[in-house]
Amino acid sequence: MYSHTILFQPTRTSDAEQIRRSLQMLERLRDGWRPGHDILSSARHAERWTISRDADAIIYQFIGYRAWPGDHSALIIGTVLAIAPRDGWVLLASNAWLTLGPAIAETLSFDPIEVTRSAEVWLRAQPA
């Protein structure tokens, strides 16, 4: 089986322009904007996903799985900026959109507003 890992974002970022764009995107989402079909149709898709945050961490982390025909698969790991499970999307650091299939059964409940609030605190704390 061929497998590879996709890591969208490490635990820190130092690209001031990327941070600015991420904060602008979170502001747009907070104001009610949602990604349309044009954005989500080209996004990667994750199945069997979960998000979690360690007790001493500021930010939530995403882990999801993607499989393609022919035994190809990928593990998707990233820092969560915003998530809307009912709408079927997540925004990861570096402004990477994913569409969502079913979460794993062990996923603990979380508040999407708190996820975004945590992301804003984390982004603002990054060195410029």
Protein backbone atom coordinates (compact mmCIF):
# COMPACT_ATOMS: atom_id res chain seq x y z
CA MET A 1 0.00 0.00 0.00
CA TYR A 2 1.38 3.41 -1.00
CA SER A 3 0.90 6.01 1.70
CA HIS A 4 2.13 9.52 2.35
CA THR A 5 1.63 12.16 5.00
CA ILE A 6 0.45 15.67 4.29
CA LEU A 7 1.44 18.19 6.92
CA PHE A 8 -0.26 21.53 6.29
CA GLN A 9 1.16 23.49 9.17
CA PRO A 10 3.77 23.03 11.88
CA THR A 11 3.11 24.30 15.39
CA ARG A 12 4.50 27.75 14.52
CA THR A 13 4.42 30.05 11.55
CA SER A 14 6.58 33.09 10.90
CA ASP A 15 5.23 34.30 7.58
CA ALA A 16 3.64 37.65 8.48
CA GLU A 17 1.69 37.79 5.20
CA GLN A 18 0.25 34.31 5.77
CA ILE A 19 -0.79 35.26 9.31
CA ARG A 20 -2.46 38.44 8.02
CA ARG A 21 -4.39 36.48 5.35
CA SER A 22 -5.47 33.87 7.90
CA LEU A 23 -6.74 36.53 10.30
CA GLN A 24 -8.65 38.21 7.45
CA MET A 25 -10.23 34.88 6.51
CA LEU A 26 -11.31 34.28 10.11
CA GLU A 27 -12.82 37.76 10.21
CA ARG A 28 -14.79 37.05 7.01
CA LEU A 29 -16.06 33.77 8.49
CA ARG A 30 -17.05 35.52 11.72
CA ASP A 31 -18.99 38.07 9.63
CA GLY A 32 -21.02 35.26 8.03
CA TRP A 33 -19.14 34.50 4.81
CA ARG A 34 -18.89 30.79 3.96
CA PRO A 35 -16.79 29.01 1.34
CA GLY A 36 -18.71 28.38 -1.85
CA HIS A 37 -18.73 25.49 -4.25
CA ASP A 38 -15.85 27.02 -6.22
CA ILE A 39 -13.56 26.75 -3.18
CA LEU A 40 -14.78 23.45 -1.79
CA SER A 41 -14.91 21.61 -5.13
CA SER A 42 -11.13 21.87 -5.43
CA ALA A 43 -10.42 21.08 -1.76
CA ARG A 44 -9.01 17.80 -0.50
CA HIS A 45 -11.48 15.49 1.23
CA ALA A 46 -10.93 13.86 4.63
CA GLU A 47 -12.71 10.85 6.08
CA ARG A 48 -12.41 9.37 9.56
CA TRP A 49 -11.26 12.68 11.00
CA THR A 50 -11.01 14.17 14.45
CA ILE A 51 -9.82 17.37 16.09
CA SER A 52 -8.34 17.70 19.53
CA ARG A 53 -6.43 20.06 21.74
CA ASP A 54 -4.03 19.06 24.48
CA ALA A 55 -4.76 20.59 27.85
CA ASP A 56 -1.67 22.81 27.65
CA ALA A 57 -2.11 23.77 23.98
CA ILE A 58 -3.68 26.93 22.58
CA ILE A 59 -4.71 25.52 19.21
CA TYR A 60 -6.71 22.54 17.92
CA GLN A 61 -5.12 19.96 15.66
CA PHE A 62 -6.84 18.08 12.83
CA ILE A 63 -6.10 14.51 11.84
CA GLY A 64 -7.95 12.92 8.94
CA TYR A 65 -7.57 10.12 6.44
CA ARG A 66 -7.93 10.10 2.70
CA ALA A 67 -8.04 7.03 0.46
CA TRP A 68 -8.06 6.70 -3.32
CA PRO A 69 -8.61 3.67 -5.53
CA GLY A 70 -5.52 1.56 -6.01
CA ASP A 71 -4.45 1.45 -2.35
CA HIS A 72 -3.32 5.08 -2.22
CA SER A 73 -3.90 6.90 1.02
CA ALA A 74 -2.86 9.97 2.93
CA LEU A 75 -2.86 11.06 6.53
CA ILE A 76 -3.80 14.73 6.75
CA ILE A 77 -2.53 16.61 9.78
CA GLY A 78 -2.95 20.32 10.35
CA THR A 79 -3.65 23.20 12.67
CA VAL A 80 -7.35 24.09 12.66
CA LEU A 81 -8.35 27.70 12.03
CA ALA A 82 -12.10 27.13 11.58
CA ILE A 83 -14.42 24.16 11.26
CA ALA A 84 -18.07 23.63 10.35
CA PRO A 85 -18.78 19.90 10.57
CA ARG A 86 -22.48 20.32 9.73
CA ASP A 87 -21.53 22.21 6.56
CA GLY A 88 -18.78 19.70 5.80
CA TRP A 89 -15.63 21.85 5.78
CA VAL A 90 -12.55 22.77 7.77
CA LEU A 91 -9.98 25.53 7.24
CA LEU A 92 -6.44 24.62 8.22
CA ALA A 93 -3.44 26.85 8.71
CA SER A 94 -1.93 28.12 5.45
CA ASN A 95 -5.55 28.64 4.38
CA ALA A 96 -5.97 25.04 3.20
CA TRP A 97 -9.62 24.01 2.82
CA LEU A 98 -10.82 20.44 3.28
CA THR A 99 -14.24 18.92 2.86
CA LEU A 100 -15.30 16.51 5.58
CA GLY A 101 -16.73 13.03 5.51
CA PRO A 102 -17.69 11.24 8.72
CA ALA A 103 -15.70 11.91 11.89
CA ILE A 104 -14.34 9.01 13.89
CA ALA A 105 -16.65 7.84 16.66
CA GLU A 106 -14.12 8.78 19.35
CA THR A 107 -14.15 12.48 18.42
CA LEU A 108 -14.95 14.49 21.53
CA SER A 109 -17.49 17.26 21.21
CA PHE A 110 -16.12 20.72 20.56
CA ASP A 111 -17.42 24.23 20.01
CA PRO A 112 -16.56 25.53 16.51
CA ILE A 113 -16.61 29.11 17.85
CA GLU A 114 -14.01 28.20 20.49
CA VAL A 115 -11.87 26.52 17.81
CA THR A 116 -11.79 29.75 15.79
CA ARG A 117 -11.24 31.91 18.87
CA SER A 118 -8.26 29.73 19.82
CA ALA A 119 -6.87 30.03 16.30
CA GLU A 120 -7.05 33.82 16.43
CA VAL A 121 -5.20 33.89 19.76
CA TRP A 122 -2.56 31.55 18.34
CA LEU A 123 -2.12 33.56 15.13
CA ARG A 124 -1.81 36.86 17.00
CA ALA A 125 0.88 35.33 19.26
CA GLN A 126 3.08 34.32 16.33
CA PRO A 127 6.26 36.39 15.90
CA ALA A 128 6.06 38.72 12.91
